[in-house]
Amino acid sequence: QERIAELQAMGYRNIRVDLERVEFL
């Protein structure tokens, strides 16, 4: 979450989250 917030603070507006390798959420 912190990393995504950093990316957003850098100006990245559109984020594609690839969940393909997520085993548990």
mmCIF file of all heavy atoms, coordinates in Angstrom:
data_MODEL
# 
_entry.id   MODEL 
# 
loop_
_atom_site.group_PDB 
_atom_site.id 
_atom_site.type_symbol 
_atom_site.label_atom_id 
_atom_site.label_alt_id 
_atom_site.label_comp_id 
_atom_site.label_asym_id 
_atom_site.label_entity_id 
_atom_site.label_seq_id 
_atom_site.pdbx_PDB_ins_code 
_atom_site.Cartn_x 
_atom_site.Cartn_y 
_atom_site.Cartn_z 
_atom_site.occupancy 
_atom_site.B_iso_or_equiv 
_atom_site.pdbx_formal_charge 
_atom_site.auth_seq_id 
_atom_site.auth_comp_id 
_atom_site.auth_asym_id 
_atom_site.auth_atom_id 
_atom_site.pdbx_PDB_model_num 
ATOM 1   N N   . GLN A 1 1  ? 0.832  -1.201  0.000   1.00 0.00 ? 1  GLN A N   1 
ATOM 2   C CA  . GLN A 1 1  ? 0.000  0.000   0.000   1.00 0.00 ? 1  GLN A CA  1 
ATOM 3   C C   . GLN A 1 1  ? 0.871  1.257   0.000   1.00 0.00 ? 1  GLN A C   1 
ATOM 4   O O   . GLN A 1 1  ? 0.595  2.212   -0.718  1.00 0.00 ? 1  GLN A O   1 
ATOM 5   C CB  . GLN A 1 1  ? -0.930 0.006   1.209   1.00 0.00 ? 1  GLN A CB  1 
ATOM 6   C CG  . GLN A 1 1  ? -1.914 1.153   1.194   1.00 0.00 ? 1  GLN A CG  1 
ATOM 7   C CD  . GLN A 1 1  ? -2.987 1.018   2.261   1.00 0.00 ? 1  GLN A CD  1 
ATOM 8   O OE1 . GLN A 1 1  ? -3.094 -0.015  2.931   1.00 0.00 ? 1  GLN A OE1 1 
ATOM 9   N NE2 . GLN A 1 1  ? -3.778 2.044   2.419   1.00 0.00 ? 1  GLN A NE2 1 
ATOM 10  N N   . GLU A 1 2  ? 1.942  1.225   0.771   1.00 0.00 ? 2  GLU A N   1 
ATOM 11  C CA  . GLU A 1 2  ? 2.862  2.367   0.811   1.00 0.00 ? 2  GLU A CA  1 
ATOM 12  C C   . GLU A 1 2  ? 3.508  2.586   -0.552  1.00 0.00 ? 2  GLU A C   1 
ATOM 13  O O   . GLU A 1 2  ? 3.633  3.715   -1.016  1.00 0.00 ? 2  GLU A O   1 
ATOM 14  C CB  . GLU A 1 2  ? 3.930  2.124   1.874   1.00 0.00 ? 2  GLU A CB  1 
ATOM 15  C CG  . GLU A 1 2  ? 4.881  3.280   2.052   1.00 0.00 ? 2  GLU A CG  1 
ATOM 16  C CD  . GLU A 1 2  ? 5.873  3.035   3.168   1.00 0.00 ? 2  GLU A CD  1 
ATOM 17  O OE1 . GLU A 1 2  ? 5.462  2.540   4.245   1.00 0.00 ? 2  GLU A OE1 1 
ATOM 18  O OE2 . GLU A 1 2  ? 7.062  3.345   2.961   1.00 0.00 ? 2  GLU A OE2 1 
ATOM 19  N N   . ARG A 1 3  ? 3.894  1.514   -1.218  1.00 0.00 ? 3  ARG A N   1 
ATOM 20  C CA  . ARG A 1 3  ? 4.532  1.626   -2.538  1.00 0.00 ? 3  ARG A CA  1 
ATOM 21  C C   . ARG A 1 3  ? 3.558  2.206   -3.562  1.00 0.00 ? 3  ARG A C   1 
ATOM 22  O O   . ARG A 1 3  ? 3.930  3.069   -4.368  1.00 0.00 ? 3  ARG A O   1 
ATOM 23  C CB  . ARG A 1 3  ? 5.051  0.266   -3.002  1.00 0.00 ? 3  ARG A CB  1 
ATOM 24  C CG  . ARG A 1 3  ? 5.755  0.306   -4.331  1.00 0.00 ? 3  ARG A CG  1 
ATOM 25  C CD  . ARG A 1 3  ? 7.005  1.184   -4.260  1.00 0.00 ? 3  ARG A CD  1 
ATOM 26  N NE  . ARG A 1 3  ? 7.625  1.235   -5.567  1.00 0.00 ? 3  ARG A NE  1 
ATOM 27  C CZ  . ARG A 1 3  ? 8.135  2.325   -6.103  1.00 0.00 ? 3  ARG A CZ  1 
ATOM 28  N NH1 . ARG A 1 3  ? 8.130  3.471   -5.452  1.00 0.00 ? 3  ARG A NH1 1 
ATOM 29  N NH2 . ARG A 1 3  ? 8.661  2.297   -7.295  1.00 0.00 ? 3  ARG A NH2 1 
ATOM 30  N N   . ILE A 1 4  ? 2.328  1.753   -3.546  1.00 0.00 ? 4  ILE A N   1 
ATOM 31  C CA  . ILE A 1 4  ? 1.332  2.282   -4.484  1.00 0.00 ? 4  ILE A CA  1 
ATOM 32  C C   . ILE A 1 4  ? 1.081  3.755   -4.185  1.00 0.00 ? 4  ILE A C   1 
ATOM 33  O O   . ILE A 1 4  ? 0.984  4.572   -5.108  1.00 0.00 ? 4  ILE A O   1 
ATOM 34  C CB  . ILE A 1 4  ? 0.036  1.444   -4.436  1.00 0.00 ? 4  ILE A CB  1 
ATOM 35  C CG1 . ILE A 1 4  ? 0.300  0.063   -5.066  1.00 0.00 ? 4  ILE A CG1 1 
ATOM 36  C CG2 . ILE A 1 4  ? -1.095 2.158   -5.173  1.00 0.00 ? 4  ILE A CG2 1 
ATOM 37  C CD1 . ILE A 1 4  ? -0.839 -0.921  -4.926  1.00 0.00 ? 4  ILE A CD1 1 
ATOM 38  N N   . ALA A 1 5  ? 1.010  4.120   -2.910  1.00 0.00 ? 5  ALA A N   1 
ATOM 39  C CA  . ALA A 1 5  ? 0.821  5.527   -2.540  1.00 0.00 ? 5  ALA A CA  1 
ATOM 40  C C   . ALA A 1 5  ? 1.993  6.375   -3.031  1.00 0.00 ? 5  ALA A C   1 
ATOM 41  O O   . ALA A 1 5  ? 1.810  7.513   -3.488  1.00 0.00 ? 5  ALA A O   1 
ATOM 42  C CB  . ALA A 1 5  ? 0.652  5.660   -1.030  1.00 0.00 ? 5  ALA A CB  1 
ATOM 43  N N   . GLU A 1 6  ? 3.209  5.836   -2.959  1.00 0.00 ? 6  GLU A N   1 
ATOM 44  C CA  . GLU A 1 6  ? 4.388  6.546   -3.459  1.00 0.00 ? 6  GLU A CA  1 
ATOM 45  C C   . GLU A 1 6  ? 4.271  6.775   -4.964  1.00 0.00 ? 6  GLU A C   1 
ATOM 46  O O   . GLU A 1 6  ? 4.593  7.862   -5.460  1.00 0.00 ? 6  GLU A O   1 
ATOM 47  C CB  . GLU A 1 6  ? 5.669  5.759   -3.159  1.00 0.00 ? 6  GLU A CB  1 
ATOM 48  C CG  . GLU A 1 6  ? 6.064  5.754   -1.701  1.00 0.00 ? 6  GLU A CG  1 
ATOM 49  C CD  . GLU A 1 6  ? 7.211  4.800   -1.420  1.00 0.00 ? 6  GLU A CD  1 
ATOM 50  O OE1 . GLU A 1 6  ? 7.706  4.114   -2.355  1.00 0.00 ? 6  GLU A OE1 1 
ATOM 51  O OE2 . GLU A 1 6  ? 7.600  4.706   -0.243  1.00 0.00 ? 6  GLU A OE2 1 
ATOM 52  N N   . LEU A 1 7  ? 3.841  5.761   -5.687  1.00 0.00 ? 7  LEU A N   1 
ATOM 53  C CA  . LEU A 1 7  ? 3.671  5.891   -7.131  1.00 0.00 ? 7  LEU A CA  1 
ATOM 54  C C   . LEU A 1 7  ? 2.625  6.958   -7.454  1.00 0.00 ? 7  LEU A C   1 
ATOM 55  O O   . LEU A 1 7  ? 2.813  7.769   -8.363  1.00 0.00 ? 7  LEU A O   1 
ATOM 56  C CB  . LEU A 1 7  ? 3.274  4.547   -7.753  1.00 0.00 ? 7  LEU A CB  1 
ATOM 57  C CG  . LEU A 1 7  ? 4.348  3.464   -7.727  1.00 0.00 ? 7  LEU A CG  1 
ATOM 58  C CD1 . LEU A 1 7  ? 3.752  2.121   -8.112  1.00 0.00 ? 7  LEU A CD1 1 
ATOM 59  C CD2 . LEU A 1 7  ? 5.506  3.829   -8.637  1.00 0.00 ? 7  LEU A CD2 1 
ATOM 60  N N   . GLN A 1 8  ? 1.551  6.963   -6.685  1.00 0.00 ? 8  GLN A N   1 
ATOM 61  C CA  . GLN A 1 8  ? 0.507  7.967   -6.895  1.00 0.00 ? 8  GLN A CA  1 
ATOM 62  C C   . GLN A 1 8  ? 1.046  9.360   -6.584  1.00 0.00 ? 8  GLN A C   1 
ATOM 63  O O   . GLN A 1 8  ? 0.752  10.316  -7.298  1.00 0.00 ? 8  GLN A O   1 
ATOM 64  C CB  . GLN A 1 8  ? -0.724 7.632   -6.061  1.00 0.00 ? 8  GLN A CB  1 
ATOM 65  C CG  . GLN A 1 8  ? -1.450 6.411   -6.595  1.00 0.00 ? 8  GLN A CG  1 
ATOM 66  C CD  . GLN A 1 8  ? -2.585 5.937   -5.723  1.00 0.00 ? 8  GLN A CD  1 
ATOM 67  O OE1 . GLN A 1 8  ? -2.506 5.968   -4.496  1.00 0.00 ? 8  GLN A OE1 1 
ATOM 68  N NE2 . GLN A 1 8  ? -3.651 5.460   -6.357  1.00 0.00 ? 8  GLN A NE2 1 
ATOM 69  N N   . ALA A 1 9  ? 1.857  9.481   -5.549  1.00 0.00 ? 9  ALA A N   1 
ATOM 70  C CA  . ALA A 1 9  ? 2.454  10.769  -5.204  1.00 0.00 ? 9  ALA A CA  1 
ATOM 71  C C   . ALA A 1 9  ? 3.418  11.244  -6.290  1.00 0.00 ? 9  ALA A C   1 
ATOM 72  O O   . ALA A 1 9  ? 3.617  12.454  -6.477  1.00 0.00 ? 9  ALA A O   1 
ATOM 73  C CB  . ALA A 1 9  ? 3.167  10.674  -3.858  1.00 0.00 ? 9  ALA A CB  1 
ATOM 74  N N   . MET A 1 10 ? 4.004  10.296  -7.032  1.00 0.00 ? 10 MET A N   1 
ATOM 75  C CA  . MET A 1 10 ? 4.906  10.632  -8.139  1.00 0.00 ? 10 MET A CA  1 
ATOM 76  C C   . MET A 1 10 ? 4.142  11.037  -9.391  1.00 0.00 ? 10 MET A C   1 
ATOM 77  O O   . MET A 1 10 ? 4.745  11.410  -10.388 1.00 0.00 ? 10 MET A O   1 
ATOM 78  C CB  . MET A 1 10 ? 5.825  9.443   -8.442  1.00 0.00 ? 10 MET A CB  1 
ATOM 79  C CG  . MET A 1 10 ? 6.796  9.129   -7.322  1.00 0.00 ? 10 MET A CG  1 
ATOM 80  S SD  . MET A 1 10 ? 7.667  7.540   -7.522  1.00 0.00 ? 10 MET A SD  1 
ATOM 81  C CE  . MET A 1 10 ? 8.370  7.686   -9.145  1.00 0.00 ? 10 MET A CE  1 
ATOM 82  N N   . GLY A 1 11 ? 2.814  10.931  -9.349  1.00 0.00 ? 11 GLY A N   1 
ATOM 83  C CA  . GLY A 1 11 ? 2.002  11.370  -10.476 1.00 0.00 ? 11 GLY A CA  1 
ATOM 84  C C   . GLY A 1 11 ? 1.401  10.274  -11.325 1.00 0.00 ? 11 GLY A C   1 
ATOM 85  O O   . GLY A 1 11 ? 0.748  10.557  -12.329 1.00 0.00 ? 11 GLY A O   1 
ATOM 86  N N   . TYR A 1 12 ? 1.599  9.027   -10.937 1.00 0.00 ? 12 TYR A N   1 
ATOM 87  C CA  . TYR A 1 12 ? 0.984  7.937   -11.683 1.00 0.00 ? 12 TYR A CA  1 
ATOM 88  C C   . TYR A 1 12 ? -0.492 7.864   -11.297 1.00 0.00 ? 12 TYR A C   1 
ATOM 89  O O   . TYR A 1 12 ? -0.830 7.587   -10.152 1.00 0.00 ? 12 TYR A O   1 
ATOM 90  C CB  . TYR A 1 12 ? 1.671  6.596   -11.391 1.00 0.00 ? 12 TYR A CB  1 
ATOM 91  C CG  . TYR A 1 12 ? 3.082  6.546   -11.897 1.00 0.00 ? 12 TYR A CG  1 
ATOM 92  C CD1 . TYR A 1 12 ? 4.155  6.664   -11.029 1.00 0.00 ? 12 TYR A CD1 1 
ATOM 93  C CD2 . TYR A 1 12 ? 3.336  6.402   -13.256 1.00 0.00 ? 12 TYR A CD2 1 
ATOM 94  C CE1 . TYR A 1 12 ? 5.460  6.629   -11.500 1.00 0.00 ? 12 TYR A CE1 1 
ATOM 95  C CE2 . TYR A 1 12 ? 4.637  6.364   -13.744 1.00 0.00 ? 12 TYR A CE2 1 
ATOM 96  C CZ  . TYR A 1 12 ? 5.694  6.473   -12.853 1.00 0.00 ? 12 TYR A CZ  1 
ATOM 97  O OH  . TYR A 1 12 ? 6.977  6.442   -13.320 1.00 0.00 ? 12 TYR A OH  1 
ATOM 98  N N   . ARG A 1 13 ? -1.363 8.144   -12.250 1.00 0.00 ? 13 ARG A N   1 
ATOM 99  C CA  . ARG A 1 13 ? -2.802 8.175   -11.979 1.00 0.00 ? 13 ARG A CA  1 
ATOM 100 C C   . ARG A 1 13 ? -3.474 6.841   -12.237 1.00 0.00 ? 13 ARG A C   1 
ATOM 101 O O   . ARG A 1 13 ? -4.409 6.467   -11.549 1.00 0.00 ? 13 ARG A O   1 
ATOM 102 C CB  . ARG A 1 13 ? -3.472 9.234   -12.851 1.00 0.00 ? 13 ARG A CB  1 
ATOM 103 C CG  . ARG A 1 13 ? -3.054 10.617  -12.491 1.00 0.00 ? 13 ARG A CG  1 
ATOM 104 C CD  . ARG A 1 13 ? -3.799 11.603  -13.333 1.00 0.00 ? 13 ARG A CD  1 
ATOM 105 N NE  . ARG A 1 13 ? -3.328 12.949  -13.050 1.00 0.00 ? 13 ARG A NE  1 
ATOM 106 C CZ  . ARG A 1 13 ? -3.727 14.000  -13.686 1.00 0.00 ? 13 ARG A CZ  1 
ATOM 107 N NH1 . ARG A 1 13 ? -4.627 13.893  -14.640 1.00 0.00 ? 13 ARG A NH1 1 
ATOM 108 N NH2 . ARG A 1 13 ? -3.265 15.178  -13.377 1.00 0.00 ? 13 ARG A NH2 1 
ATOM 109 N N   . ASN A 1 14 ? -3.042 6.150   -13.275 1.00 0.00 ? 14 ASN A N   1 
ATOM 110 C CA  . ASN A 1 14 ? -3.673 4.891   -13.682 1.00 0.00 ? 14 ASN A CA  1 
ATOM 111 C C   . ASN A 1 14 ? -2.788 3.725   -13.262 1.00 0.00 ? 14 ASN A C   1 
ATOM 112 O O   . ASN A 1 14 ? -1.653 3.599   -13.722 1.00 0.00 ? 14 ASN A O   1 
ATOM 113 C CB  . ASN A 1 14 ? -3.899 4.872   -15.194 1.00 0.00 ? 14 ASN A CB  1 
ATOM 114 C CG  . ASN A 1 14 ? -4.828 5.983   -15.629 1.00 0.00 ? 14 ASN A CG  1 
ATOM 115 O OD1 . ASN A 1 14 ? -5.844 6.240   -15.004 1.00 0.00 ? 14 ASN A OD1 1 
ATOM 116 N ND2 . ASN A 1 14 ? -4.467 6.667   -16.701 1.00 0.00 ? 14 ASN A ND2 1 
ATOM 117 N N   . ILE A 1 15 ? -3.330 2.878   -12.405 1.00 0.00 ? 15 ILE A N   1 
ATOM 118 C CA  . ILE A 1 15 ? -2.562 1.760   -11.870 1.00 0.00 ? 15 ILE A CA  1 
ATOM 119 C C   . ILE A 1 15 ? -3.253 0.459   -12.227 1.00 0.00 ? 15 ILE A C   1 
ATOM 120 O O   . ILE A 1 15 ? -4.443 0.272   -11.978 1.00 0.00 ? 15 ILE A O   1 
ATOM 121 C CB  . ILE A 1 15 ? -2.403 1.881   -10.348 1.00 0.00 ? 15 ILE A CB  1 
ATOM 122 C CG1 . ILE A 1 15 ? -1.649 3.175   -10.035 1.00 0.00 ? 15 ILE A CG1 1 
ATOM 123 C CG2 . ILE A 1 15 ? -1.693 0.665   -9.774  1.00 0.00 ? 15 ILE A CG2 1 
ATOM 124 C CD1 . ILE A 1 15 ? -1.481 3.462   -8.569  1.00 0.00 ? 15 ILE A CD1 1 
ATOM 125 N N   . ARG A 1 16 ? -2.490 -0.404  -12.829 1.00 0.00 ? 16 ARG A N   1 
ATOM 126 C CA  . ARG A 1 16 ? -2.963 -1.749  -13.180 1.00 0.00 ? 16 ARG A CA  1 
ATOM 127 C C   . ARG A 1 16 ? -2.313 -2.701  -12.177 1.00 0.00 ? 16 ARG A C   1 
ATOM 128 O O   . ARG A 1 16 ? -1.093 -2.818  -12.146 1.00 0.00 ? 16 ARG A O   1 
ATOM 129 C CB  . ARG A 1 16 ? -2.544 -2.077  -14.604 1.00 0.00 ? 16 ARG A CB  1 
ATOM 130 C CG  . ARG A 1 16 ? -3.043 -3.405  -15.108 1.00 0.00 ? 16 ARG A CG  1 
ATOM 131 C CD  . ARG A 1 16 ? -2.778 -3.545  -16.595 1.00 0.00 ? 16 ARG A CD  1 
ATOM 132 N NE  . ARG A 1 16 ? -3.622 -2.598  -17.320 1.00 0.00 ? 16 ARG A NE  1 
ATOM 133 C CZ  . ARG A 1 16 ? -3.231 -1.947  -18.425 1.00 0.00 ? 16 ARG A CZ  1 
ATOM 134 N NH1 . ARG A 1 16 ? -2.040 -2.126  -18.922 1.00 0.00 ? 16 ARG A NH1 1 
ATOM 135 N NH2 . ARG A 1 16 ? -4.069 -1.112  -19.018 1.00 0.00 ? 16 ARG A NH2 1 
ATOM 136 N N   . VAL A 1 17 ? -3.125 -3.337  -11.350 1.00 0.00 ? 17 VAL A N   1 
ATOM 137 C CA  . VAL A 1 17 ? -2.608 -4.254  -10.339 1.00 0.00 ? 17 VAL A CA  1 
ATOM 138 C C   . VAL A 1 17 ? -2.742 -5.680  -10.870 1.00 0.00 ? 17 VAL A C   1 
ATOM 139 O O   . VAL A 1 17 ? -3.844 -6.181  -11.071 1.00 0.00 ? 17 VAL A O   1 
ATOM 140 C CB  . VAL A 1 17 ? -3.362 -4.107  -9.002  1.00 0.00 ? 17 VAL A CB  1 
ATOM 141 C CG1 . VAL A 1 17 ? -2.765 -5.033  -7.957  1.00 0.00 ? 17 VAL A CG1 1 
ATOM 142 C CG2 . VAL A 1 17 ? -3.316 -2.652  -8.513  1.00 0.00 ? 17 VAL A CG2 1 
ATOM 143 N N   . ASP A 1 18 ? -1.595 -6.304  -11.107 1.00 0.00 ? 18 ASP A N   1 
ATOM 144 C CA  . ASP A 1 18 ? -1.569 -7.678  -11.602 1.00 0.00 ? 18 ASP A CA  1 
ATOM 145 C C   . ASP A 1 18 ? -1.612 -8.613  -10.395 1.00 0.00 ? 18 ASP A C   1 
ATOM 146 O O   . ASP A 1 18 ? -0.701 -8.624  -9.566  1.00 0.00 ? 18 ASP A O   1 
ATOM 147 C CB  . ASP A 1 18 ? -0.300 -7.910  -12.418 1.00 0.00 ? 18 ASP A CB  1 
ATOM 148 C CG  . ASP A 1 18 ? -0.237 -9.278  -13.048 1.00 0.00 ? 18 ASP A CG  1 
ATOM 149 O OD1 . ASP A 1 18 ? -1.006 -10.179 -12.652 1.00 0.00 ? 18 ASP A OD1 1 
ATOM 150 O OD2 . ASP A 1 18 ? 0.597  -9.464  -13.946 1.00 0.00 ? 18 ASP A OD2 1 
ATOM 151 N N   . LEU A 1 19 ? -2.681 -9.368  -10.295 1.00 0.00 ? 19 LEU A N   1 
ATOM 152 C CA  . LEU A 1 19 ? -2.900 -10.266 -9.163  1.00 0.00 ? 19 LEU A CA  1 
ATOM 153 C C   . LEU A 1 19 ? -2.640 -11.732 -9.509  1.00 0.00 ? 19 LEU A C   1 
ATOM 154 O O   . LEU A 1 19 ? -2.905 -12.617 -8.689  1.00 0.00 ? 19 LEU A O   1 
ATOM 155 C CB  . LEU A 1 19 ? -4.340 -10.117 -8.662  1.00 0.00 ? 19 LEU A CB  1 
ATOM 156 C CG  . LEU A 1 19 ? -4.747 -8.731  -8.165  1.00 0.00 ? 19 LEU A CG  1 
ATOM 157 C CD1 . LEU A 1 19 ? -6.253 -8.687  -7.923  1.00 0.00 ? 19 LEU A CD1 1 
ATOM 158 C CD2 . LEU A 1 19 ? -3.980 -8.371  -6.911  1.00 0.00 ? 19 LEU A CD2 1 
ATOM 159 N N   . GLU A 1 20 ? -2.125 -11.994 -10.683 1.00 0.00 ? 20 GLU A N   1 
ATOM 160 C CA  . GLU A 1 20 ? -2.003 -13.367 -11.169 1.00 0.00 ? 20 GLU A CA  1 
ATOM 161 C C   . GLU A 1 20 ? -1.257 -14.291 -10.207 1.00 0.00 ? 20 GLU A C   1 
ATOM 162 O O   . GLU A 1 20 ? -1.602 -15.464 -10.067 1.00 0.00 ? 20 GLU A O   1 
ATOM 163 C CB  . GLU A 1 20 ? -1.304 -13.380 -12.533 1.00 0.00 ? 20 GLU A CB  1 
ATOM 164 C CG  . GLU A 1 20 ? -1.250 -14.740 -13.166 1.00 0.00 ? 20 GLU A CG  1 
ATOM 165 C CD  . GLU A 1 20 ? -0.753 -14.711 -14.604 1.00 0.00 ? 20 GLU A CD  1 
ATOM 166 O OE1 . GLU A 1 20 ? -0.161 -13.692 -15.016 1.00 0.00 ? 20 GLU A OE1 1 
ATOM 167 O OE2 . GLU A 1 20 ? -0.973 -15.700 -15.305 1.00 0.00 ? 20 GLU A OE2 1 
ATOM 168 N N   . ARG A 1 21 ? -0.259 -13.770 -9.519  1.00 0.00 ? 21 ARG A N   1 
ATOM 169 C CA  . ARG A 1 21 ? 0.554  -14.625 -8.632  1.00 0.00 ? 21 ARG A CA  1 
ATOM 170 C C   . ARG A 1 21 ? 0.182  -14.483 -7.158  1.00 0.00 ? 21 ARG A C   1 
ATOM 171 O O   . ARG A 1 21 ? 0.941  -14.889 -6.281  1.00 0.00 ? 21 ARG A O   1 
ATOM 172 C CB  . ARG A 1 21 ? 2.029  -14.306 -8.839  1.00 0.00 ? 21 ARG A CB  1 
ATOM 173 C CG  . ARG A 1 21 ? 2.495  -14.688 -10.224 1.00 0.00 ? 21 ARG A CG  1 
ATOM 174 C CD  . ARG A 1 21 ? 3.947  -14.449 -10.406 1.00 0.00 ? 21 ARG A CD  1 
ATOM 175 N NE  . ARG A 1 21 ? 4.344  -14.814 -11.754 1.00 0.00 ? 21 ARG A NE  1 
ATOM 176 C CZ  . ARG A 1 21 ? 5.523  -14.585 -12.245 1.00 0.00 ? 21 ARG A CZ  1 
ATOM 177 N NH1 . ARG A 1 21 ? 6.449  -13.984 -11.526 1.00 0.00 ? 21 ARG A NH1 1 
ATOM 178 N NH2 . ARG A 1 21 ? 5.809  -14.943 -13.480 1.00 0.00 ? 21 ARG A NH2 1 
ATOM 179 N N   . VAL A 1 22 ? -0.977 -13.904 -6.893  1.00 0.00 ? 22 VAL A N   1 
ATOM 180 C CA  . VAL A 1 22 ? -1.430 -13.774 -5.513  1.00 0.00 ? 22 VAL A CA  1 
ATOM 181 C C   . VAL A 1 22 ? -2.063 -15.090 -5.082  1.00 0.00 ? 22 VAL A C   1 
ATOM 182 O O   . VAL A 1 22 ? -2.974 -15.592 -5.728  1.00 0.00 ? 22 VAL A O   1 
ATOM 183 C CB  . VAL A 1 22 ? -2.420 -12.596 -5.365  1.00 0.00 ? 22 VAL A CB  1 
ATOM 184 C CG1 . VAL A 1 22 ? -3.060 -12.603 -3.979  1.00 0.00 ? 22 VAL A CG1 1 
ATOM 185 C CG2 . VAL A 1 22 ? -1.710 -11.278 -5.624  1.00 0.00 ? 22 VAL A CG2 1 
ATOM 186 N N   . GLU A 1 23 ? -1.553 -15.640 -3.987  1.00 0.00 ? 23 GLU A N   1 
ATOM 187 C CA  . GLU A 1 23 ? -2.059 -16.911 -3.473  1.00 0.00 ? 23 GLU A CA  1 
ATOM 188 C C   . GLU A 1 23 ? -3.141 -16.715 -2.422  1.00 0.00 ? 23 GLU A C   1 
ATOM 189 O O   . GLU A 1 23 ? -3.988 -17.585 -2.223  1.00 0.00 ? 23 GLU A O   1 
ATOM 190 C CB  . GLU A 1 23 ? -0.904 -17.712 -2.870  1.00 0.00 ? 23 GLU A CB  1 
ATOM 191 C CG  . GLU A 1 23 ? 0.162  -18.054 -3.890  1.00 0.00 ? 23 GLU A CG  1 
ATOM 192 C CD  . GLU A 1 23 ? 1.449  -18.544 -3.246  1.00 0.00 ? 23 GLU A CD  1 
ATOM 193 O OE1 . GLU A 1 23 ? 1.475  -18.736 -2.011  1.00 0.00 ? 23 GLU A OE1 1 
ATOM 194 O OE2 . GLU A 1 23 ? 2.421  -18.724 -3.983  1.00 0.00 ? 23 GLU A OE2 1 
ATOM 195 N N   . PHE A 1 24 ? -3.099 -15.564 -1.740  1.00 0.00 ? 24 PHE A N   1 
ATOM 196 C CA  . PHE A 1 24 ? -4.030 -15.319 -0.641  1.00 0.00 ? 24 PHE A CA  1 
ATOM 197 C C   . PHE A 1 24 ? -4.208 -13.815 -0.490  1.00 0.00 ? 24 PHE A C   1 
ATOM 198 O O   . PHE A 1 24 ? -3.251 -13.055 -0.606  1.00 0.00 ? 24 PHE A O   1 
ATOM 199 C CB  . PHE A 1 24 ? -3.466 -15.913 0.658   1.00 0.00 ? 24 PHE A CB  1 
ATOM 200 C CG  . PHE A 1 24 ? -4.289 -15.622 1.870   1.00 0.00 ? 24 PHE A CG  1 
ATOM 201 C CD1 . PHE A 1 24 ? -5.446 -16.333 2.139   1.00 0.00 ? 24 PHE A CD1 1 
ATOM 202 C CD2 . PHE A 1 24 ? -3.904 -14.623 2.755   1.00 0.00 ? 24 PHE A CD2 1 
ATOM 203 C CE1 . PHE A 1 24 ? -6.199 -16.057 3.268   1.00 0.00 ? 24 PHE A CE1 1 
ATOM 204 C CE2 . PHE A 1 24 ? -4.652 -14.346 3.880   1.00 0.00 ? 24 PHE A CE2 1 
ATOM 205 C CZ  . PHE A 1 24 ? -5.799 -15.066 4.144   1.00 0.00 ? 24 PHE A CZ  1 
ATOM 206 N N   . LEU A 1 25 ? -5.435 -13.407 -0.229  1.00 0.00 ? 25 LEU A N   1 
ATOM 207 C CA  . LEU A 1 25 ? -5.742 -11.990 -0.039  1.00 0.00 ? 25 LEU A CA  1 
ATOM 208 C C   . LEU A 1 25 ? -6.670 -11.885 1.161   1.00 0.00 ? 25 LEU A C   1 
ATOM 209 O O   . LEU A 1 25 ? -7.755 -12.471 1.155   1.00 0.00 ? 25 LEU A O   1 
ATOM 210 C CB  . LEU A 1 25 ? -6.426 -11.446 -1.295  1.00 0.00 ? 25 LEU A CB  1 
ATOM 211 C CG  . LEU A 1 25 ? -6.690 -9.955  -1.376  1.00 0.00 ? 25 LEU A CG  1 
ATOM 212 C CD1 . LEU A 1 25 ? -5.406 -9.202  -1.679  1.00 0.00 ? 25 LEU A CD1 1 
ATOM 213 C CD2 . LEU A 1 25 ? -7.714 -9.660  -2.460  1.00 0.00 ? 25 LEU A CD2 1 
# 
